[in-house]
Amino acid sequence: MANRWAGVTVDCLDVERMARFWGTLLDRRPGPSEPGWIYLGHRDDPQPRLVFQPVTEPKRGKVRLHLDVVVDDIDEGIAQVLALGGRSTGERHEYEEGVVVVMADPEGHEFCLTQYF
């Protein structure tokens, strides 16, 4: 049996809010889930599932693993994240191949919006 990447699990205080944010941003629908948890996607999807797991303690410090989200237009991507309840960290990087803006979801988990040129 070959190993494969199945998903990413996010610890969060408000599972439903976080699943709505990421589900809307990535156009992913909830799949079969455990009680109290929300899974975006299904086990056999071509993309890994996003799993939102309830925890009692808030995030502390910078996350050591983050998602990169590719957008067609960086300004529209930023506006969408803000409208969904996320925030900008103020960090932006311009490269020859594109631009990367570090954003945060409603509970402060950092992720990158990337527009390739």
PDB file of N, CA and C in Angstrom:
ATOM      1  N   MET A   1       0.837  -1.176   0.000  1.00  0.00           N
ATOM      2  CA  MET A   1       0.000   0.000   0.000  1.00  0.00           C
ATOM      3  C   MET A   1       0.885   1.244   0.000  1.00  0.00           C
ATOM      4  N   ALA A   2       0.582   2.204  -0.857  1.00  0.00           N
ATOM      5  CA  ALA A   2       1.345   3.447  -0.929  1.00  0.00           C
ATOM      6  C   ALA A   2       0.810   4.459   0.069  1.00  0.00           C
ATOM      7  N   ASN A   3       1.709   5.183   0.684  1.00  0.00           N
ATOM      8  CA  ASN A   3       1.296   6.255   1.576  1.00  0.00           C
ATOM      9  C   ASN A   3       0.745   7.404   0.749  1.00  0.00           C
ATOM     10  N   ARG A   4      -0.208   8.135   1.314  1.00  0.00           N
ATOM     11  CA  ARG A   4      -0.729   9.316   0.632  1.00  0.00           C
ATOM     12  C   ARG A   4      -1.172  10.323   1.671  1.00  0.00           C
ATOM     13  N   TRP A   5      -1.174  11.566   1.271  1.00  0.00           N
ATOM     14  CA  TRP A   5      -1.597  12.655   2.133  1.00  0.00           C
ATOM     15  C   TRP A   5      -3.111  12.666   2.169  1.00  0.00           C
ATOM     16  N   ALA A   6      -3.713  12.550   3.353  1.00  0.00           N
ATOM     17  CA  ALA A   6      -5.161  12.440   3.472  1.00  0.00           C
ATOM     18  C   ALA A   6      -5.836  13.734   3.899  1.00  0.00           C
ATOM     19  N   GLY A   7      -5.141  14.586   4.657  1.00  0.00           N
ATOM     20  CA  GLY A   7      -5.794  15.799   5.114  1.00  0.00           C
ATOM     21  C   GLY A   7      -4.925  16.627   6.034  1.00  0.00           C
ATOM     22  N   VAL A   8      -5.485  17.752   6.433  1.00  0.00           N
ATOM     23  CA  VAL A   8      -4.870  18.660   7.391  1.00  0.00           C
ATOM     24  C   VAL A   8      -5.892  18.890   8.493  1.00  0.00           C
ATOM     25  N   THR A   9      -5.476  18.737   9.741  1.00  0.00           N
ATOM     26  CA  THR A   9      -6.369  18.947  10.877  1.00  0.00           C
ATOM     27  C   THR A   9      -6.029  20.273  11.544  1.00  0.00           C
ATOM     28  N   VAL A  10      -7.064  21.077  11.785  1.00  0.00           N
ATOM     29  CA  VAL A  10      -6.905  22.394  12.400  1.00  0.00           C
ATOM     30  C   VAL A  10      -7.571  22.376  13.764  1.00  0.00           C
ATOM     31  N   ASP A  11      -6.798  22.665  14.816  1.00  0.00           N
ATOM     32  CA  ASP A  11      -7.369  22.833  16.153  1.00  0.00           C
ATOM     33  C   ASP A  11      -8.075  24.183  16.197  1.00  0.00           C
ATOM     34  N   CYS A  12      -9.309  24.221  16.724  1.00  0.00           N
ATOM     35  CA  CYS A  12     -10.021  25.495  16.769  1.00  0.00           C
ATOM     36  C   CYS A  12     -11.059  25.525  17.888  1.00  0.00           C
ATOM     37  N   LEU A  13     -11.359  26.736  18.310  1.00  0.00           N
ATOM     38  CA  LEU A  13     -12.365  26.944  19.354  1.00  0.00           C
ATOM     39  C   LEU A  13     -13.774  26.851  18.787  1.00  0.00           C
ATOM     40  N   ASP A  14     -14.005  27.436  17.616  1.00  0.00           N
ATOM     41  CA  ASP A  14     -15.323  27.477  16.985  1.00  0.00           C
ATOM     42  C   ASP A  14     -15.265  26.700  15.668  1.00  0.00           C
ATOM     43  N   VAL A  15     -15.539  25.423  15.745  1.00  0.00           N
ATOM     44  CA  VAL A  15     -15.433  24.516  14.600  1.00  0.00           C
ATOM     45  C   VAL A  15     -16.313  24.970  13.431  1.00  0.00           C
ATOM     46  N   GLU A  16     -17.546  25.361  13.725  1.00  0.00           N
ATOM     47  CA  GLU A  16     -18.468  25.745  12.656  1.00  0.00           C
ATOM     48  C   GLU A  16     -18.012  27.014  11.938  1.00  0.00           C
ATOM     49  N   ARG A  17     -17.565  28.006  12.696  1.00  0.00           N
ATOM     50  CA  ARG A  17     -17.094  29.255  12.083  1.00  0.00           C
ATOM     51  C   ARG A  17     -15.879  29.000  11.197  1.00  0.00           C
ATOM     52  N   MET A  18     -14.952  28.207  11.705  1.00  0.00           N
ATOM     53  CA  MET A  18     -13.740  27.925  10.939  1.00  0.00           C
ATOM     54  C   MET A  18     -14.061  27.124   9.679  1.00  0.00           C
ATOM     55  N   ALA A  19     -14.951  26.145   9.775  1.00  0.00           N
ATOM     56  CA  ALA A  19     -15.323  25.357   8.602  1.00  0.00           C
ATOM     57  C   ALA A  19     -16.029  26.224   7.561  1.00  0.00           C
ATOM     58  N   ARG A  20     -16.867  27.160   7.996  1.00  0.00           N
ATOM     59  CA  ARG A  20     -17.523  28.082   7.049  1.00  0.00           C
ATOM     60  C   ARG A  20     -16.486  28.953   6.343  1.00  0.00           C
ATOM     61  N   PHE A  21     -15.537  29.509   7.111  1.00  0.00           N
ATOM     62  CA  PHE A  21     -14.500  30.364   6.541  1.00  0.00           C
ATOM     63  C   PHE A  21     -13.721  29.613   5.465  1.00  0.00           C
ATOM     64  N   TRP A  22     -13.138  28.472   5.835  1.00  0.00           N
ATOM     65  CA  TRP A  22     -12.300  27.722   4.901  1.00  0.00           C
ATOM     66  C   TRP A  22     -13.120  27.083   3.788  1.00  0.00           C
ATOM     67  N   GLY A  23     -14.325  26.626   4.090  1.00  0.00           N
ATOM     68  CA  GLY A  23     -15.177  26.037   3.065  1.00  0.00           C
ATOM     69  C   GLY A  23     -15.533  27.038   1.979  1.00  0.00           C
ATOM     70  N   THR A  24     -15.853  28.272   2.391  1.00  0.00           N
ATOM     71  CA  THR A  24     -16.171  29.321   1.422  1.00  0.00           C
ATOM     72  C   THR A  24     -14.930  29.739   0.654  1.00  0.00           C
ATOM     73  N   LEU A  25     -13.815  29.961   1.363  1.00  0.00           N
ATOM     74  CA  LEU A  25     -12.585  30.400   0.708  1.00  0.00           C
ATOM     75  C   LEU A  25     -12.102  29.398  -0.330  1.00  0.00           C
ATOM     76  N   LEU A  26     -12.191  28.112  -0.023  1.00  0.00           N
ATOM     77  CA  LEU A  26     -11.669  27.066  -0.905  1.00  0.00           C
ATOM     78  C   LEU A  26     -12.752  26.335  -1.705  1.00  0.00           C
ATOM     79  N   ASP A  27     -14.008  26.771  -1.556  1.00  0.00           N
ATOM     80  CA  ASP A  27     -15.140  26.143  -2.239  1.00  0.00           C
ATOM     81  C   ASP A  27     -15.172  24.635  -1.966  1.00  0.00           C
ATOM     82  N   ARG A  28     -15.088  24.292  -0.687  1.00  0.00           N
ATOM     83  CA  ARG A  28     -15.145  22.883  -0.257  1.00  0.00           C
ATOM     84  C   ARG A  28     -16.391  22.682   0.595  1.00  0.00           C
ATOM     85  N   ARG A  29     -17.065  21.592   0.404  1.00  0.00           N
ATOM     86  CA  ARG A  29     -18.291  21.271   1.130  1.00  0.00           C
ATOM     87  C   ARG A  29     -18.005  20.258   2.229  1.00  0.00           C
ATOM     88  N   PRO A  30     -18.776  20.330   3.320  1.00  0.00           N
ATOM     89  CA  PRO A  30     -18.594  19.334   4.392  1.00  0.00           C
ATOM     90  C   PRO A  30     -18.903  17.932   3.900  1.00  0.00           C
ATOM     91  N   GLY A  31     -18.143  16.991   4.412  1.00  0.00           N
ATOM     92  CA  GLY A  31     -18.368  15.573   4.135  1.00  0.00           C
ATOM     93  C   GLY A  31     -18.706  14.878   5.446  1.00  0.00           C
ATOM     94  N   PRO A  32     -18.693  13.547   5.438  1.00  0.00           N
ATOM     95  CA  PRO A  32     -18.972  12.804   6.665  1.00  0.00           C
ATOM     96  C   PRO A  32     -17.995  13.218   7.764  1.00  0.00           C
ATOM     97  N   SER A  33     -18.527  13.489   8.958  1.00  0.00           N
ATOM     98  CA  SER A  33     -17.718  13.999  10.065  1.00  0.00           C
ATOM     99  C   SER A  33     -18.036  13.270  11.356  1.00  0.00           C
ATOM    100  N   GLU A  34     -17.116  13.364  12.296  1.00  0.00           N
ATOM    101  CA  GLU A  34     -17.333  12.838  13.639  1.00  0.00           C
ATOM    102  C   GLU A  34     -18.147  13.865  14.435  1.00  0.00           C
ATOM    103  N   PRO A  35     -18.878  13.448  15.471  1.00  0.00           N
ATOM    104  CA  PRO A  35     -19.632  14.406  16.284  1.00  0.00           C
ATOM    105  C   PRO A  35     -18.709  15.490  16.863  1.00  0.00           C
ATOM    106  N   GLY A  36     -19.094  16.762  16.657  1.00  0.00           N
ATOM    107  CA  GLY A  36     -18.323  17.884  17.163  1.00  0.00           C
ATOM    108  C   GLY A  36     -17.217  18.342  16.228  1.00  0.00           C
ATOM    109  N   TRP A  37     -16.881  17.555  15.236  1.00  0.00           N
ATOM    110  CA  TRP A  37     -15.834  17.873  14.266  1.00  0.00           C
ATOM    111  C   TRP A  37     -16.514  18.184  12.928  1.00  0.00           C
ATOM    112  N   ILE A  38     -15.810  18.893  12.050  1.00  0.00           N
ATOM    113  CA  ILE A  38     -16.307  19.087  10.685  1.00  0.00           C
ATOM    114  C   ILE A  38     -15.177  18.761   9.717  1.00  0.00           C
ATOM    115  N   TYR A  39     -15.484  17.916   8.741  1.00  0.00           N
ATOM    116  CA  TYR A  39     -14.540  17.540   7.689  1.00  0.00           C
ATOM    117  C   TYR A  39     -15.002  18.208   6.399  1.00  0.00           C
ATOM    118  N   LEU A  40     -14.110  18.943   5.748  1.00  0.00           N
ATOM    119  CA  LEU A  40     -14.417  19.476   4.421  1.00  0.00           C
ATOM    120  C   LEU A  40     -13.850  18.508   3.402  1.00  0.00           C
ATOM    121  N   GLY A  41     -14.732  17.942   2.595  1.00  0.00           N
ATOM    122  CA  GLY A  41     -14.322  16.961   1.613  1.00  0.00           C
ATOM    123  C   GLY A  41     -14.610  15.547   2.095  1.00  0.00           C
ATOM    124  N   HIS A  42     -14.290  14.603   1.225  1.00  0.00           N
ATOM    125  CA  HIS A  42     -14.526  13.184   1.487  1.00  0.00           C
ATOM    126  C   HIS A  42     -13.199  12.434   1.436  1.00  0.00           C
ATOM    127  N   ARG A  43     -13.173  11.287   2.032  1.00  0.00           N
ATOM    128  CA  ARG A  43     -11.958  10.472   2.101  1.00  0.00           C
ATOM    129  C   ARG A  43     -11.379  10.172   0.716  1.00  0.00           C
ATOM    130  N   ASP A  44     -12.233  10.023  -0.305  1.00  0.00           N
ATOM    131  CA  ASP A  44     -11.742   9.663  -1.645  1.00  0.00           C
ATOM    132  C   ASP A  44     -11.601  10.859  -2.588  1.00  0.00           C
ATOM    133  N   ASP A  45     -11.707  12.088  -2.073  1.00  0.00           N
ATOM    134  CA  ASP A  45     -11.520  13.279  -2.902  1.00  0.00           C
ATOM    135  C   ASP A  45     -10.086  13.351  -3.427  1.00  0.00           C
ATOM    136  N   PRO A  46      -9.891  13.975  -4.594  1.00  0.00           N
ATOM    137  CA  PRO A  46      -8.526  14.142  -5.101  1.00  0.00           C
ATOM    138  C   PRO A  46      -7.707  15.121  -4.255  1.00  0.00           C
ATOM    139  N   GLN A  47      -8.368  16.055  -3.588  1.00  0.00           N
ATOM    140  CA  GLN A  47      -7.681  16.988  -2.685  1.00  0.00           C
ATOM    141  C   GLN A  47      -7.762  16.458  -1.257  1.00  0.00           C
ATOM    142  N   PRO A  48      -6.752  16.720  -0.444  1.00  0.00           N
ATOM    143  CA  PRO A  48      -6.822  16.312   0.966  1.00  0.00           C
ATOM    144  C   PRO A  48      -7.983  17.012   1.682  1.00  0.00           C
ATOM    145  N   ARG A  49      -8.546  16.316   2.654  1.00  0.00           N
ATOM    146  CA  ARG A  49      -9.622  16.908   3.450  1.00  0.00           C
ATOM    147  C   ARG A  49      -9.054  17.933   4.421  1.00  0.00           C
ATOM    148  N   LEU A  50      -9.871  18.917   4.782  1.00  0.00           N
ATOM    149  CA  LEU A  50      -9.569  19.809   5.892  1.00  0.00           C
ATOM    150  C   LEU A  50     -10.455  19.373   7.043  1.00  0.00           C
ATOM    151  N   VAL A  51      -9.848  19.156   8.185  1.00  0.00           N
ATOM    152  CA  VAL A  51     -10.562  18.645   9.348  1.00  0.00           C
ATOM    153  C   VAL A  51     -10.480  19.690  10.458  1.00  0.00           C
ATOM    154  N   PHE A  52     -11.618  20.057  11.025  1.00  0.00           N
ATOM    155  CA  PHE A  52     -11.663  21.032  12.104  1.00  0.00           C
ATOM    156  C   PHE A  52     -12.019  20.313  13.398  1.00  0.00           C
ATOM    157  N   GLN A  53     -11.076  20.339  14.319  1.00  0.00           N
ATOM    158  CA  GLN A  53     -11.158  19.589  15.568  1.00  0.00           C
ATOM    159  C   GLN A  53     -11.322  20.584  16.726  1.00  0.00           C
ATOM    160  N   PRO A  54     -12.318  20.361  17.592  1.00  0.00           N
ATOM    161  CA  PRO A  54     -12.510  21.297  18.700  1.00  0.00           C
ATOM    162  C   PRO A  54     -11.444  21.135  19.783  1.00  0.00           C
ATOM    163  N   VAL A  55     -10.967  22.273  20.279  1.00  0.00           N
ATOM    164  CA  VAL A  55     -10.042  22.318  21.409  1.00  0.00           C
ATOM    165  C   VAL A  55     -10.524  23.408  22.361  1.00  0.00           C
ATOM    166  N   THR A  56     -10.030  23.400  23.582  1.00  0.00           N
ATOM    167  CA  THR A  56     -10.480  24.376  24.577  1.00  0.00           C
ATOM    168  C   THR A  56      -9.532  25.558  24.736  1.00  0.00           C
ATOM    169  N   GLU A  57      -8.311  25.426  24.246  1.00  0.00           N
ATOM    170  CA  GLU A  57      -7.340  26.507  24.422  1.00  0.00           C
ATOM    171  C   GLU A  57      -7.126  27.247  23.100  1.00  0.00           C
ATOM    172  N   PRO A  58      -6.972  28.591  23.153  1.00  0.00           N
ATOM    173  CA  PRO A  58      -6.738  29.348  21.921  1.00  0.00           C
ATOM    174  C   PRO A  58      -5.334  29.129  21.382  1.00  0.00           C
ATOM    175  N   LYS A  59      -5.155  29.457  20.111  1.00  0.00           N
ATOM    176  CA  LYS A  59      -3.841  29.378  19.463  1.00  0.00           C
ATOM    177  C   LYS A  59      -2.888  30.340  20.156  1.00  0.00           C
ATOM    178  N   ARG A  60      -1.661  29.906  20.338  1.00  0.00           N
ATOM    179  CA  ARG A  60      -0.613  30.761  20.902  1.00  0.00           C
ATOM    180  C   ARG A  60       0.605  30.694  19.998  1.00  0.00           C
ATOM    181  N   GLY A  61       1.122  31.841  19.610  1.00  0.00           N
ATOM    182  CA  GLY A  61       2.323  31.876  18.791  1.00  0.00           C
ATOM    183  C   GLY A  61       2.044  31.614  17.320  1.00  0.00           C
ATOM    184  N   LYS A  62       3.099  31.654  16.547  1.00  0.00           N
ATOM    185  CA  LYS A  62       3.009  31.452  15.098  1.00  0.00           C
ATOM    186  C   LYS A  62       2.879  29.958  14.791  1.00  0.00           C
ATOM    187  N   VAL A  63       1.993  29.628  13.847  1.00  0.00           N
ATOM    188  CA  VAL A  63       1.849  28.237  13.439  1.00  0.00           C
ATOM    189  C   VAL A  63       3.104  27.802  12.690  1.00  0.00           C
ATOM    190  N   ARG A  64       3.466  26.546  12.807  1.00  0.00           N
ATOM    191  CA  ARG A  64       4.682  26.037  12.173  1.00  0.00           C
ATOM    192  C   ARG A  64       4.405  25.392  10.822  1.00  0.00           C
ATOM    193  N   LEU A  65       3.143  25.206  10.497  1.00  0.00           N
ATOM    194  CA  LEU A  65       2.722  24.622   9.234  1.00  0.00           C
ATOM    195  C   LEU A  65       1.538  25.450   8.762  1.00  0.00           C
ATOM    196  N   HIS A  66       1.530  25.843   7.501  1.00  0.00           N
ATOM    197  CA  HIS A  66       0.413  26.655   7.028  1.00  0.00           C
ATOM    198  C   HIS A  66       0.018  26.250   5.616  1.00  0.00           C
ATOM    199  N   LEU A  67      -1.174  26.680   5.220  1.00  0.00           N
ATOM    200  CA  LEU A  67      -1.674  26.423   3.876  1.00  0.00           C
ATOM    201  C   LEU A  67      -1.272  27.570   2.956  1.00  0.00           C
ATOM    202  N   ASP A  68      -1.011  27.250   1.693  1.00  0.00           N
ATOM    203  CA  ASP A  68      -0.809  28.242   0.648  1.00  0.00           C
ATOM    204  C   ASP A  68      -2.032  28.176  -0.262  1.00  0.00           C
ATOM    205  N   VAL A  69      -2.682  29.307  -0.467  1.00  0.00           N
ATOM    206  CA  VAL A  69      -3.887  29.383  -1.288  1.00  0.00           C
ATOM    207  C   VAL A  69      -3.570  30.236  -2.512  1.00  0.00           C
ATOM    208  N   VAL A  70      -3.678  29.654  -3.699  1.00  0.00           N
ATOM    209  CA  VAL A  70      -3.412  30.375  -4.944  1.00  0.00           C
ATOM    210  C   VAL A  70      -4.687  31.076  -5.384  1.00  0.00           C
ATOM    211  N   VAL A  71      -4.554  32.373  -5.711  1.00  0.00           N
ATOM    212  CA  VAL A  71      -5.690  33.166  -6.177  1.00  0.00           C
ATOM    213  C   VAL A  71      -5.343  33.758  -7.541  1.00  0.00           C
ATOM    214  N   ASP A  72      -6.381  34.084  -8.327  1.00  0.00           N
ATOM    215  CA  ASP A  72      -6.169  34.709  -9.627  1.00  0.00           C
ATOM    216  C   ASP A  72      -5.810  36.183  -9.488  1.00  0.00           C
ATOM    217  N   ASP A  73      -6.376  36.846  -8.463  1.00  0.00           N
ATOM    218  CA  ASP A  73      -6.144  38.272  -8.245  1.00  0.00           C
ATOM    219  C   ASP A  73      -5.900  38.482  -6.753  1.00  0.00           C
ATOM    220  N   ILE A  74      -4.721  38.958  -6.387  1.00  0.00           N
ATOM    221  CA  ILE A  74      -4.350  39.068  -4.979  1.00  0.00           C
ATOM    222  C   ILE A  74      -5.259  40.035  -4.222  1.00  0.00           C
ATOM    223  N   ASP A  75      -5.630  41.155  -4.849  1.00  0.00           N
ATOM    224  CA  ASP A  75      -6.491  42.124  -4.166  1.00  0.00           C
ATOM    225  C   ASP A  75      -7.887  41.554  -3.904  1.00  0.00           C
ATOM    226  N   GLU A  76      -8.423  40.819  -4.879  1.00  0.00           N
ATOM    227  CA  GLU A  76      -9.724  40.170  -4.674  1.00  0.00           C
ATOM    228  C   GLU A  76      -9.619  39.087  -3.605  1.00  0.00           C
ATOM    229  N   GLY A  77      -8.520  38.351  -3.591  1.00  0.00           N
ATOM    230  CA  GLY A  77      -8.317  37.325  -2.566  1.00  0.00           C
ATOM    231  C   GLY A  77      -8.254  37.923  -1.178  1.00  0.00           C
ATOM    232  N   ILE A  78      -7.535  39.018  -1.032  1.00  0.00           N
ATOM    233  CA  ILE A  78      -7.453  39.697   0.270  1.00  0.00           C
ATOM    234  C   ILE A  78      -8.833  40.173   0.697  1.00  0.00           C
ATOM    235  N   ALA A  79      -9.572  40.787  -0.222  1.00  0.00           N
ATOM    236  CA  ALA A  79     -10.916  41.275   0.092  1.00  0.00           C
ATOM    237  C   ALA A  79     -11.833  40.138   0.529  1.00  0.00           C
ATOM    238  N   GLN A  80     -11.727  38.982  -0.116  1.00  0.00           N
ATOM    239  CA  GLN A  80     -12.562  37.844   0.253  1.00  0.00           C
ATOM    240  C   GLN A  80     -12.226  37.366   1.662  1.00  0.00           C
ATOM    241  N   VAL A  81     -10.944  37.247   1.969  1.00  0.00           N
ATOM    242  CA  VAL A  81     -10.538  36.805   3.306  1.00  0.00           C
ATOM    243  C   VAL A  81     -11.065  37.768   4.360  1.00  0.00           C
ATOM    244  N   LEU A  82     -10.937  39.068   4.129  1.00  0.00           N
ATOM    245  CA  LEU A  82     -11.422  40.059   5.084  1.00  0.00           C
ATOM    246  C   LEU A  82     -12.936  39.978   5.246  1.00  0.00           C
ATOM    247  N   ALA A  83     -13.665  39.809   4.137  1.00  0.00           N
ATOM    248  CA  ALA A  83     -15.125  39.707   4.193  1.00  0.00           C
ATOM    249  C   ALA A  83     -15.584  38.470   4.950  1.00  0.00           C
ATOM    250  N   LEU A  84     -14.772  37.409   4.911  1.00  0.00           N
ATOM    251  CA  LEU A  84     -15.120  36.166   5.604  1.00  0.00           C
ATOM    252  C   LEU A  84     -14.746  36.186   7.086  1.00  0.00           C
ATOM    253  N   GLY A  85     -14.112  37.266   7.543  1.00  0.00           N
ATOM    254  CA  GLY A  85     -13.749  37.361   8.956  1.00  0.00           C
ATOM    255  C   GLY A  85     -12.286  37.128   9.247  1.00  0.00           C
ATOM    256  N   GLY A  86     -11.475  36.943   8.203  1.00  0.00           N
ATOM    257  CA  GLY A  86     -10.039  36.799   8.398  1.00  0.00           C
ATOM    258  C   GLY A  86      -9.389  38.178   8.505  1.00  0.00           C
ATOM    259  N   ARG A  87      -8.061  38.197   8.585  1.00  0.00           N
ATOM    260  CA  ARG A  87      -7.361  39.481   8.680  1.00  0.00           C
ATOM    261  C   ARG A  87      -6.012  39.395   7.973  1.00  0.00           C
ATOM    262  N   SER A  88      -5.485  40.563   7.683  1.00  0.00           N
ATOM    263  CA  SER A  88      -4.158  40.655   7.104  1.00  0.00           C
ATOM    264  C   SER A  88      -3.139  40.750   8.231  1.00  0.00           C
ATOM    265  N   THR A  89      -1.990  40.133   8.040  1.00  0.00           N
ATOM    266  CA  THR A  89      -0.920  40.264   9.032  1.00  0.00           C
ATOM    267  C   THR A  89      -0.027  41.465   8.716  1.00  0.00           C
ATOM    268  N   GLY A  90      -0.196  42.044   7.524  1.00  0.00           N
ATOM    269  CA  GLY A  90       0.651  43.139   7.089  1.00  0.00           C
ATOM    270  C   GLY A  90       1.909  42.674   6.378  1.00  0.00           C
ATOM    271  N   GLU A  91       2.097  41.361   6.276  1.00  0.00           N
ATOM    272  CA  GLU A  91       3.295  40.820   5.632  1.00  0.00           C
ATOM    273  C   GLU A  91       3.003  40.537   4.161  1.00  0.00           C
ATOM    274  N   ARG A  92       3.839  41.099   3.284  1.00  0.00           N
ATOM    275  CA  ARG A  92       3.674  40.928   1.838  1.00  0.00           C
ATOM    276  C   ARG A  92       5.056  40.764   1.218  1.00  0.00           C
ATOM    277  N   HIS A  93       5.165  39.832   0.280  1.00  0.00           N
ATOM    278  CA  HIS A  93       6.440  39.564  -0.392  1.00  0.00           C
ATOM    279  C   HIS A  93       6.220  39.605  -1.898  1.00  0.00           C
ATOM    280  N   GLU A  94       7.046  40.380  -2.589  1.00  0.00           N
ATOM    281  CA  GLU A  94       6.991  40.483  -4.047  1.00  0.00           C
ATOM    282  C   GLU A  94       8.174  39.704  -4.619  1.00  0.00           C
ATOM    283  N   TYR A  95       7.889  38.786  -5.520  1.00  0.00           N
ATOM    284  CA  TYR A  95       8.913  37.980  -6.177  1.00  0.00           C
ATOM    285  C   TYR A  95       8.739  38.093  -7.685  1.00  0.00           C
ATOM    286  N   GLU A  96       9.740  37.703  -8.434  1.00  0.00           N
ATOM    287  CA  GLU A  96       9.615  37.721  -9.897  1.00  0.00           C
ATOM    288  C   GLU A  96       8.438  36.883 -10.368  1.00  0.00           C
ATOM    289  N   GLU A  97       8.218  35.737  -9.725  1.00  0.00           N
ATOM    290  CA  GLU A  97       7.155  34.827 -10.166  1.00  0.00           C
ATOM    291  C   GLU A  97       5.778  35.154  -9.599  1.00  0.00           C
ATOM    292  N   GLY A  98       5.702  36.094  -8.642  1.00  0.00           N
ATOM    293  CA  GLY A  98       4.402  36.444  -8.099  1.00  0.00           C
ATOM    294  C   GLY A  98       4.490  37.161  -6.764  1.00  0.00           C
ATOM    295  N   VAL A  99       3.355  37.259  -6.123  1.00  0.00           N
ATOM    296  CA  VAL A  99       3.248  37.949  -4.839  1.00  0.00           C
ATOM    297  C   VAL A  99       2.647  37.006  -3.802  1.00  0.00           C
ATOM    298  N   VAL A 100       3.127  37.116  -2.569  1.00  0.00           N
ATOM    299  CA  VAL A 100       2.629  36.324  -1.448  1.00  0.00           C
ATOM    300  C   VAL A 100       2.220  37.283  -0.336  1.00  0.00           C
ATOM    301  N   VAL A 101       0.999  37.145   0.147  1.00  0.00           N
ATOM    302  CA  VAL A 101       0.497  37.958   1.254  1.00  0.00           C
ATOM    303  C   VAL A 101       0.116  37.011   2.380  1.00  0.00           C
ATOM    304  N   VAL A 102       0.648  37.263   3.573  1.00  0.00           N
ATOM    305  CA  VAL A 102       0.345  36.427   4.729  1.00  0.00           C
ATOM    306  C   VAL A 102      -0.934  36.945   5.380  1.00  0.00           C
ATOM    307  N   MET A 103      -1.917  36.068   5.476  1.00  0.00           N
ATOM    308  CA  MET A 103      -3.220  36.382   6.058  1.00  0.00           C
ATOM    309  C   MET A 103      -3.425  35.500   7.290  1.00  0.00           C
ATOM    310  N   ALA A 104      -4.518  35.731   8.007  1.00  0.00           N
ATOM    311  CA  ALA A 104      -4.872  34.883   9.144  1.00  0.00           C
ATOM    312  C   ALA A 104      -6.374  34.611   9.098  1.00  0.00           C
ATOM    313  N   ASP A 105      -6.754  33.395   9.477  1.00  0.00           N
ATOM    314  CA  ASP A 105      -8.169  33.040   9.517  1.00  0.00           C
ATOM    315  C   ASP A 105      -8.803  33.646  10.782  1.00  0.00           C
ATOM    316  N   PRO A 106     -10.099  33.437  11.016  1.00  0.00           N
ATOM    317  CA  PRO A 106     -10.758  34.066  12.161  1.00  0.00           C
ATOM    318  C   PRO A 106     -10.163  33.722  13.533  1.00  0.00           C
ATOM    319  N   GLU A 107      -9.435  32.613  13.653  1.00  0.00           N
ATOM    320  CA  GLU A 107      -8.823  32.272  14.938  1.00  0.00           C
ATOM    321  C   GLU A 107      -7.323  32.543  14.957  1.00  0.00           C
ATOM    322  N   GLY A 108      -6.818  33.229  13.920  1.00  0.00           N
ATOM    323  CA  GLY A 108      -5.428  33.656  13.915  1.00  0.00           C
ATOM    324  C   GLY A 108      -4.432  32.706  13.280  1.00  0.00           C
ATOM    325  N   HIS A 109      -4.894  31.603  12.655  1.00  0.00           N
ATOM    326  CA  HIS A 109      -3.978  30.697  11.963  1.00  0.00           C
ATOM    327  C   HIS A 109      -3.490  31.377  10.687  1.00  0.00           C
ATOM    328  N   GLU A 110      -2.183  31.555  10.561  1.00  0.00           N
ATOM    329  CA  GLU A 110      -1.625  32.208   9.390  1.00  0.00           C
ATOM    330  C   GLU A 110      -1.679  31.285   8.170  1.00  0.00           C
ATOM    331  N   PHE A 111      -1.854  31.899   6.997  1.00  0.00           N
ATOM    332  CA  PHE A 111      -1.773  31.186   5.725  1.00  0.00           C
ATOM    333  C   PHE A 111      -1.353  32.190   4.665  1.00  0.00           C
ATOM    334  N   CYS A 112      -0.911  31.705   3.522  1.00  0.00           N
ATOM    335  CA  CYS A 112      -0.442  32.586   2.451  1.00  0.00           C
ATOM    336  C   CYS A 112      -1.429  32.607   1.286  1.00  0.00           C
ATOM    337  N   LEU A 113      -1.733  33.810   0.820  1.00  0.00           N
ATOM    338  CA  LEU A 113      -2.416  33.980  -0.457  1.00  0.00           C
ATOM    339  C   LEU A 113      -1.313  34.230  -1.475  1.00  0.00           C
ATOM    340  N   THR A 114      -1.352  33.533  -2.589  1.00  0.00           N
ATOM    341  CA  THR A 114      -0.320  33.658  -3.603  1.00  0.00           C
ATOM    342  C   THR A 114      -0.952  33.897  -4.968  1.00  0.00           C
ATOM    343  N   GLN A 115      -0.422  34.890  -5.669  1.00  0.00           N
ATOM    344  CA  GLN A 115      -0.801  35.131  -7.058  1.00  0.00           C
ATOM    345  C   GLN A 115       0.461  34.979  -7.882  1.00  0.00           C
ATOM    346  N   TYR A 116       0.435  34.026  -8.808  1.00  0.00           N
ATOM    347  CA  TYR A 116       1.571  33.843  -9.710  1.00  0.00           C
ATOM    348  C   TYR A 116       1.367  34.713 -10.943  1.00  0.00           C
ATOM    349  N   PHE A 117       2.457  35.274 -11.461  1.00  0.00           N
ATOM    350  CA  PHE A 117       2.382  36.105 -12.675  1.00  0.00           C
ATOM    351  C   PHE A 117       2.593  35.264 -13.895  1.00  0.00           C
TER     352      PHE A 117
END
